[in-house]
Amino acid sequence: MSYARNDQVSAVSDLIAMDGEVINIGGRNYRAHIEAGANTMAASEFGLHSRDETILATIINRGDPPRETESAMRGGKKYRISSIDKSGEKILTLTLTND
């Protein structure tokens, strides 16, 4: 692993240490840096409301990477993984959408 990759992992580790939250993905706990994404709200003619919430969770993966088929839990809310972006050798940014 190069020095640049080590620096990137160290920087993300520091960010997670300062303001990280615990999320559960597929039964495994990860500490993640959370960023709010787009929120949308819709109403139907029958009075039903739906609210879609998207968050970005940046994690350092040191084992088997999460798969898009796995669900995630954050603060008692259930999310599904919409996409996984590999930002580095061990750094993953997950787009999570509420169920």
Protein backbone atom coordinates (compact mmCIF):
# COMPACT_ATOMS: atom_id res chain seq x y z
CA MET A 1 0.00 0.00 0.00
CA SER A 2 1.37 3.43 -0.91
CA TYR A 3 1.88 6.36 1.42
CA ALA A 4 -0.92 8.30 -0.29
CA ARG A 5 -3.38 5.49 0.44
CA ASN A 6 -2.20 5.35 4.06
CA ASP A 7 -2.73 9.11 4.36
CA GLN A 8 -6.23 8.82 2.89
CA VAL A 9 -7.21 6.06 5.30
CA SER A 10 -5.73 8.03 8.22
CA ALA A 11 -7.66 11.17 7.27
CA VAL A 12 -10.97 9.30 7.00
CA SER A 13 -10.22 7.50 10.29
CA ASP A 14 -9.70 10.86 12.00
CA LEU A 15 -12.96 12.19 10.55
CA ILE A 16 -14.86 9.13 11.74
CA ALA A 17 -13.23 9.35 15.18
CA MET A 18 -14.37 12.98 15.57
CA ASP A 19 -18.02 12.64 14.53
CA GLY A 20 -18.66 9.03 13.56
CA GLU A 21 -21.85 7.13 14.21
CA VAL A 22 -22.38 3.39 14.51
CA ILE A 23 -24.40 1.80 11.72
CA ASN A 24 -25.24 -1.85 11.31
CA ILE A 25 -24.87 -3.35 7.85
CA GLY A 26 -25.77 -6.98 7.34
CA GLY A 27 -25.36 -7.74 11.05
CA ARG A 28 -21.91 -6.09 11.33
CA ASN A 29 -21.33 -2.79 13.13
CA TYR A 30 -19.30 -0.08 11.42
CA ARG A 31 -18.35 3.40 12.54
CA ALA A 32 -19.22 5.79 9.74
CA HIS A 33 -19.09 9.44 8.81
CA ILE A 34 -22.67 10.37 7.92
CA GLU A 35 -23.70 13.13 5.49
CA ALA A 36 -27.29 14.06 4.77
CA GLY A 37 -28.41 13.54 1.21
CA ALA A 38 -31.58 14.50 -0.62
CA ASN A 39 -34.93 14.27 1.12
CA THR A 40 -38.15 14.14 -0.85
CA MET A 41 -41.76 14.05 0.27
CA ALA A 42 -44.78 13.07 -1.80
CA ALA A 43 -48.48 12.90 -1.17
CA SER A 44 -51.07 10.91 -3.06
CA GLU A 45 -54.65 11.82 -3.80
CA PHE A 46 -55.68 9.39 -1.03
CA GLY A 47 -53.80 11.32 1.66
CA LEU A 48 -50.89 8.91 1.93
CA HIS A 49 -47.54 10.54 2.46
CA SER A 50 -44.18 9.08 1.65
CA ARG A 51 -40.82 10.52 2.56
CA ASP A 52 -37.63 9.34 0.94
CA GLU A 53 -34.45 10.05 2.88
CA THR A 54 -30.97 9.49 1.51
CA ILE A 55 -27.75 9.55 3.50
CA LEU A 56 -24.12 8.97 2.59
CA ALA A 57 -22.12 6.80 4.96
CA THR A 58 -18.33 6.67 4.58
CA ILE A 59 -16.72 3.65 6.21
CA ILE A 60 -13.32 2.04 6.38
CA ASN A 61 -13.73 -1.58 5.37
CA ARG A 62 -11.23 -3.95 6.89
CA GLY A 63 -13.01 -7.21 6.09
CA ASP A 64 -15.50 -8.45 3.56
CA PRO A 65 -17.13 -5.45 1.87
CA PRO A 66 -20.86 -4.87 2.28
CA ARG A 67 -23.06 -5.87 -0.65
CA GLU A 68 -25.89 -3.89 -2.20
CA THR A 69 -28.31 -6.64 -1.21
CA GLU A 70 -27.73 -6.03 2.52
CA SER A 71 -29.83 -3.74 4.66
CA ALA A 72 -28.52 -1.15 7.09
CA MET A 73 -29.77 0.24 10.41
CA ARG A 74 -28.99 3.70 11.76
CA GLY A 75 -30.61 5.08 14.88
CA GLY A 76 -33.46 2.59 14.74
CA LYS A 77 -34.28 3.36 11.08
CA LYS A 78 -33.93 0.76 8.37
CA TYR A 79 -32.18 1.63 5.11
CA ARG A 80 -31.22 -0.20 1.96
CA ILE A 81 -27.93 0.23 0.15
CA SER A 82 -28.56 2.04 -3.14
CA SER A 83 -24.96 2.19 -4.28
CA ILE A 84 -21.40 1.56 -3.11
CA ASP A 85 -18.59 3.82 -4.27
CA LYS A 86 -15.05 2.71 -3.67
CA SER A 87 -13.05 5.84 -2.80
CA GLY A 88 -9.82 4.06 -1.99
CA GLU A 89 -8.44 0.65 -1.20
CA LYS A 90 -10.36 0.40 2.08
CA ILE A 91 -12.67 3.43 1.97
CA LEU A 92 -16.27 2.92 0.85
CA THR A 93 -19.03 5.50 0.51
CA LEU A 94 -22.46 3.93 0.76
CA THR A 95 -25.62 5.63 -0.42
CA LEU A 96 -28.42 4.55 1.92
CA THR A 97 -32.12 5.09 1.21
CA ASN A 98 -34.86 4.54 3.78
CA ASP A 99 -37.28 1.65 3.34
